[in-house]
Amino acid sequence: MQVGKYTRTKEINHKSSLSKIGNRYFFGKHHSTETKRKMSEWRKGRFVGEKHPNWRGGIAHLPYSVNWTNTLKRSIRERDKYICRLCGEQQDEISFDVHHIDYDKKNCNPNNLITLCDSCRTKTNYNREKWVLYFTNLIP
């Protein structure tokens, strides 16, 4: 990963992430069977379907357009030079995602598509109105 003028190794990234864990009281320990049962009971039905805070009326299950092909996605990645348009990370062996700016799976206009790494694509699932405006201004 490129940070400033030098490249950080995977070992340095790992040590850095461990240092940010904070309270490590539970590190290496496991919940009891009874505690696991109680946590499972508490979660049941709370964050499913319409009760989940990110529920959008089931639109995630709608099919993509017939134009949504591997060729189209590859052309968008090529146009963006295989770089995440949000953080600037370079694609390596894992292909980056091609994201619909207006979140409409049927709109496969290249002006509505952008290359994002997995981390940035995950970020854009929250506060969607902000991201639509941001990416609309980013793409000429």
C-alpha atoms as a PDB file:
ATOM      1  CA  MET A   1       0.000   0.000   0.000  1.00  0.00           C
ATOM      2  CA  GLN A   2       1.364   3.400  -0.985  1.00  0.00           C
ATOM      3  CA  VAL A   3       1.511   5.917   1.874  1.00  0.00           C
ATOM      4  CA  GLY A   4       3.307   9.170   1.271  1.00  0.00           C
ATOM      5  CA  LYS A   5       6.615   8.548  -0.486  1.00  0.00           C
ATOM      6  CA  TYR A   6       7.205   4.932   0.564  1.00  0.00           C
ATOM      7  CA  THR A   7       5.418   1.608   0.268  1.00  0.00           C
ATOM      8  CA  ARG A   8       4.305  -0.130   3.462  1.00  0.00           C
ATOM      9  CA  THR A   9       4.865  -3.864   3.732  1.00  0.00           C
ATOM     10  CA  LYS A  10       2.116  -6.290   4.675  1.00  0.00           C
ATOM     11  CA  GLU A  11       3.880  -6.895   8.003  1.00  0.00           C
ATOM     12  CA  ILE A  12       3.800  -3.173   8.859  1.00  0.00           C
ATOM     13  CA  ASN A  13       0.117  -2.964   7.850  1.00  0.00           C
ATOM     14  CA  HIS A  14      -0.666  -5.957  10.076  1.00  0.00           C
ATOM     15  CA  LYS A  15       1.191  -4.495  13.081  1.00  0.00           C
ATOM     16  CA  SER A  16      -0.542  -1.160  12.516  1.00  0.00           C
ATOM     17  CA  SER A  17      -3.980  -2.756  12.472  1.00  0.00           C
ATOM     18  CA  LEU A  18      -3.210  -4.693  15.676  1.00  0.00           C
ATOM     19  CA  SER A  19      -2.149  -1.495  17.439  1.00  0.00           C
ATOM     20  CA  LYS A  20      -5.568   0.054  16.714  1.00  0.00           C
ATOM     21  CA  ILE A  21      -7.587  -2.715  18.328  1.00  0.00           C
ATOM     22  CA  GLY A  22      -7.787  -0.847  21.623  1.00  0.00           C
ATOM     23  CA  ASN A  23      -9.172  -2.872  24.534  1.00  0.00           C
ATOM     24  CA  ARG A  24      -7.772  -6.333  23.957  1.00  0.00           C
ATOM     25  CA  TYR A  25      -9.420  -7.899  27.038  1.00  0.00           C
ATOM     26  CA  PHE A  26     -11.299 -10.514  24.983  1.00  0.00           C
ATOM     27  CA  PHE A  27      -8.365 -11.263  22.623  1.00  0.00           C
ATOM     28  CA  GLY A  28      -7.874 -15.049  22.388  1.00  0.00           C
ATOM     29  CA  LYS A  29     -10.861 -15.819  24.610  1.00  0.00           C
ATOM     30  CA  HIS A  30     -14.203 -17.320  23.626  1.00  0.00           C
ATOM     31  CA  HIS A  31     -17.815 -16.753  24.645  1.00  0.00           C
ATOM     32  CA  SER A  32     -19.495 -19.494  26.634  1.00  0.00           C
ATOM     33  CA  THR A  33     -22.221 -21.548  24.973  1.00  0.00           C
ATOM     34  CA  GLU A  34     -24.814 -19.848  27.184  1.00  0.00           C
ATOM     35  CA  THR A  35     -23.582 -16.356  26.221  1.00  0.00           C
ATOM     36  CA  LYS A  36     -23.657 -17.303  22.529  1.00  0.00           C
ATOM     37  CA  ARG A  37     -27.242 -18.540  22.929  1.00  0.00           C
ATOM     38  CA  LYS A  38     -28.309 -15.291  24.635  1.00  0.00           C
ATOM     39  CA  MET A  39     -26.673 -13.136  21.935  1.00  0.00           C
ATOM     40  CA  SER A  40     -28.354 -15.209  19.232  1.00  0.00           C
ATOM     41  CA  GLU A  41     -31.775 -14.838  20.888  1.00  0.00           C
ATOM     42  CA  TRP A  42     -31.296 -11.089  21.222  1.00  0.00           C
ATOM     43  CA  ARG A  43     -30.491 -10.686  17.489  1.00  0.00           C
ATOM     44  CA  LYS A  44     -33.357 -12.835  16.168  1.00  0.00           C
ATOM     45  CA  GLY A  45     -35.713 -10.783  14.048  1.00  0.00           C
ATOM     46  CA  ARG A  46     -34.079  -7.455  14.899  1.00  0.00           C
ATOM     47  CA  PHE A  47     -32.063  -6.780  11.753  1.00  0.00           C
ATOM     48  CA  VAL A  48     -33.877  -8.779   9.096  1.00  0.00           C
ATOM     49  CA  GLY A  49     -35.666  -7.418   6.026  1.00  0.00           C
ATOM     50  CA  GLU A  50     -37.770  -4.338   6.720  1.00  0.00           C
ATOM     51  CA  LYS A  51     -36.419  -4.075  10.267  1.00  0.00           C
ATOM     52  CA  HIS A  52     -32.832  -3.557   9.086  1.00  0.00           C
ATOM     53  CA  PRO A  53     -31.776   0.123   9.037  1.00  0.00           C
ATOM     54  CA  ASN A  54     -30.420  -0.209   5.473  1.00  0.00           C
ATOM     55  CA  TRP A  55     -33.612  -1.751   4.054  1.00  0.00           C
ATOM     56  CA  ARG A  56     -34.489  -0.210   0.665  1.00  0.00           C
ATOM     57  CA  GLY A  57     -37.646  -2.133  -0.171  1.00  0.00           C
ATOM     58  CA  GLY A  58     -35.954  -5.257  -1.549  1.00  0.00           C
ATOM     59  CA  ILE A  59     -34.220  -3.550  -4.480  1.00  0.00           C
ATOM     60  CA  ALA A  60     -31.033  -5.602  -3.942  1.00  0.00           C
ATOM     61  CA  HIS A  61     -32.808  -8.605  -5.425  1.00  0.00           C
ATOM     62  CA  LEU A  62     -33.774  -6.857  -8.676  1.00  0.00           C
ATOM     63  CA  PRO A  63     -31.908  -8.203 -11.732  1.00  0.00           C
ATOM     64  CA  TYR A  64     -29.225  -6.280 -13.596  1.00  0.00           C
ATOM     65  CA  SER A  65     -29.731  -5.013 -17.147  1.00  0.00           C
ATOM     66  CA  VAL A  66     -28.876  -7.352 -20.042  1.00  0.00           C
ATOM     67  CA  ASN A  67     -26.182  -4.780 -20.918  1.00  0.00           C
ATOM     68  CA  TRP A  68     -24.361  -5.515 -17.640  1.00  0.00           C
ATOM     69  CA  THR A  69     -21.603  -7.682 -19.127  1.00  0.00           C
ATOM     70  CA  ASN A  70     -18.010  -8.514 -18.280  1.00  0.00           C
ATOM     71  CA  THR A  71     -16.948  -6.597 -21.396  1.00  0.00           C
ATOM     72  CA  LEU A  72     -18.713  -3.441 -20.159  1.00  0.00           C
ATOM     73  CA  LYS A  73     -17.178  -3.757 -16.702  1.00  0.00           C
ATOM     74  CA  ARG A  74     -13.707  -4.327 -18.161  1.00  0.00           C
ATOM     75  CA  SER A  75     -14.083  -1.250 -20.387  1.00  0.00           C
ATOM     76  CA  ILE A  76     -15.009   0.908 -17.363  1.00  0.00           C
ATOM     77  CA  ARG A  77     -11.974  -0.378 -15.436  1.00  0.00           C
ATOM     78  CA  GLU A  78      -9.771   0.375 -18.467  1.00  0.00           C
ATOM     79  CA  ARG A  79     -11.270   3.879 -18.776  1.00  0.00           C
ATOM     80  CA  ASP A  80     -10.458   4.479 -15.085  1.00  0.00           C
ATOM     81  CA  LYS A  81      -6.940   2.996 -15.598  1.00  0.00           C
ATOM     82  CA  TYR A  82      -7.648   0.218 -13.046  1.00  0.00           C
ATOM     83  CA  ILE A  83      -7.581   2.757 -10.213  1.00  0.00           C
ATOM     84  CA  CYS A  84     -10.234   3.256  -7.530  1.00  0.00           C
ATOM     85  CA  ARG A  85     -11.779   6.651  -8.273  1.00  0.00           C
ATOM     86  CA  LEU A  86     -12.348   7.343  -4.564  1.00  0.00           C
ATOM     87  CA  CYS A  87      -9.086   6.415  -2.805  1.00  0.00           C
ATOM     88  CA  GLY A  88      -6.708   6.099  -5.772  1.00  0.00           C
ATOM     89  CA  GLU A  89      -5.618   2.529  -5.006  1.00  0.00           C
ATOM     90  CA  GLN A  90      -4.233   0.556  -7.967  1.00  0.00           C
ATOM     91  CA  GLN A  91      -5.981  -2.721  -8.860  1.00  0.00           C
ATOM     92  CA  ASP A  92      -3.857  -5.850  -8.382  1.00  0.00           C
ATOM     93  CA  GLU A  93      -4.841  -9.489  -8.961  1.00  0.00           C
ATOM     94  CA  ILE A  94      -8.401  -8.955  -7.650  1.00  0.00           C
ATOM     95  CA  SER A  95     -10.598  -6.960 -10.027  1.00  0.00           C
ATOM     96  CA  PHE A  96     -12.169  -3.811  -8.634  1.00  0.00           C
ATOM     97  CA  ASP A  97     -15.931  -3.356  -8.638  1.00  0.00           C
ATOM     98  CA  VAL A  98     -17.814  -1.290 -11.182  1.00  0.00           C
ATOM     99  CA  HIS A  99     -20.344   0.823  -9.306  1.00  0.00           C
ATOM    100  CA  HIS A 100     -23.592   2.437 -10.518  1.00  0.00           C
ATOM    101  CA  ILE A 101     -23.410   6.081  -9.470  1.00  0.00           C
ATOM    102  CA  ASP A 102     -27.215   6.453  -9.276  1.00  0.00           C
ATOM    103  CA  TYR A 103     -27.609   2.958  -7.693  1.00  0.00           C
ATOM    104  CA  ASP A 104     -29.904   1.939 -10.577  1.00  0.00           C
ATOM    105  CA  LYS A 105     -28.870  -1.523 -11.836  1.00  0.00           C
ATOM    106  CA  LYS A 106     -30.703  -0.918 -15.117  1.00  0.00           C
ATOM    107  CA  ASN A 107     -28.725   2.243 -15.982  1.00  0.00           C
ATOM    108  CA  CYS A 108     -25.572   0.939 -17.698  1.00  0.00           C
ATOM    109  CA  ASN A 109     -24.609   4.238 -19.308  1.00  0.00           C
ATOM    110  CA  PRO A 110     -20.787   4.538 -18.988  1.00  0.00           C
ATOM    111  CA  ASN A 111     -21.272   8.007 -17.467  1.00  0.00           C
ATOM    112  CA  ASN A 112     -23.170   6.299 -14.642  1.00  0.00           C
ATOM    113  CA  LEU A 113     -20.437   3.734 -13.918  1.00  0.00           C
ATOM    114  CA  ILE A 114     -17.254   4.127 -11.890  1.00  0.00           C
ATOM    115  CA  THR A 115     -14.436   1.866 -10.677  1.00  0.00           C
ATOM    116  CA  LEU A 116     -14.207   1.381  -6.896  1.00  0.00           C
ATOM    117  CA  CYS A 117     -12.138  -0.906  -4.680  1.00  0.00           C
ATOM    118  CA  ASP A 118     -14.085  -3.187  -2.346  1.00  0.00           C
ATOM    119  CA  SER A 119     -13.494  -0.972   0.689  1.00  0.00           C
ATOM    120  CA  CYS A 120     -14.726   2.192  -1.034  1.00  0.00           C
ATOM    121  CA  ARG A 121     -17.713   0.410  -2.599  1.00  0.00           C
ATOM    122  CA  THR A 122     -18.741  -0.711   0.888  1.00  0.00           C
ATOM    123  CA  LYS A 123     -18.483   2.893   2.139  1.00  0.00           C
ATOM    124  CA  THR A 124     -20.782   4.121  -0.619  1.00  0.00           C
ATOM    125  CA  ASN A 125     -23.674   1.945   0.571  1.00  0.00           C
ATOM    126  CA  TYR A 126     -24.353   4.435   3.364  1.00  0.00           C
ATOM    127  CA  ASN A 127     -25.537   8.009   2.895  1.00  0.00           C
ATOM    128  CA  ARG A 128     -26.239   7.303  -0.777  1.00  0.00           C
ATOM    129  CA  GLU A 129     -27.508  10.795  -1.595  1.00  0.00           C
ATOM    130  CA  LYS A 130     -24.100  12.226  -0.618  1.00  0.00           C
ATOM    131  CA  TRP A 131     -22.268   9.732  -2.866  1.00  0.00           C
ATOM    132  CA  VAL A 132     -24.553  10.323  -5.846  1.00  0.00           C
ATOM    133  CA  LEU A 133     -23.766  14.039  -5.637  1.00  0.00           C
ATOM    134  CA  TYR A 134     -20.044  13.411  -5.078  1.00  0.00           C
ATOM    135  CA  PHE A 135     -19.629  11.036  -8.027  1.00  0.00           C
ATOM    136  CA  THR A 136     -21.848  13.108 -10.314  1.00  0.00           C
ATOM    137  CA  ASN A 137     -19.498  16.053  -9.774  1.00  0.00           C
ATOM    138  CA  LEU A 138     -16.438  13.818 -10.170  1.00  0.00           C
ATOM    139  CA  ILE A 139     -17.375  12.470 -13.614  1.00  0.00           C
ATOM    140  CA  PRO A 140     -17.496  15.222 -16.279  1.00  0.00           C
END
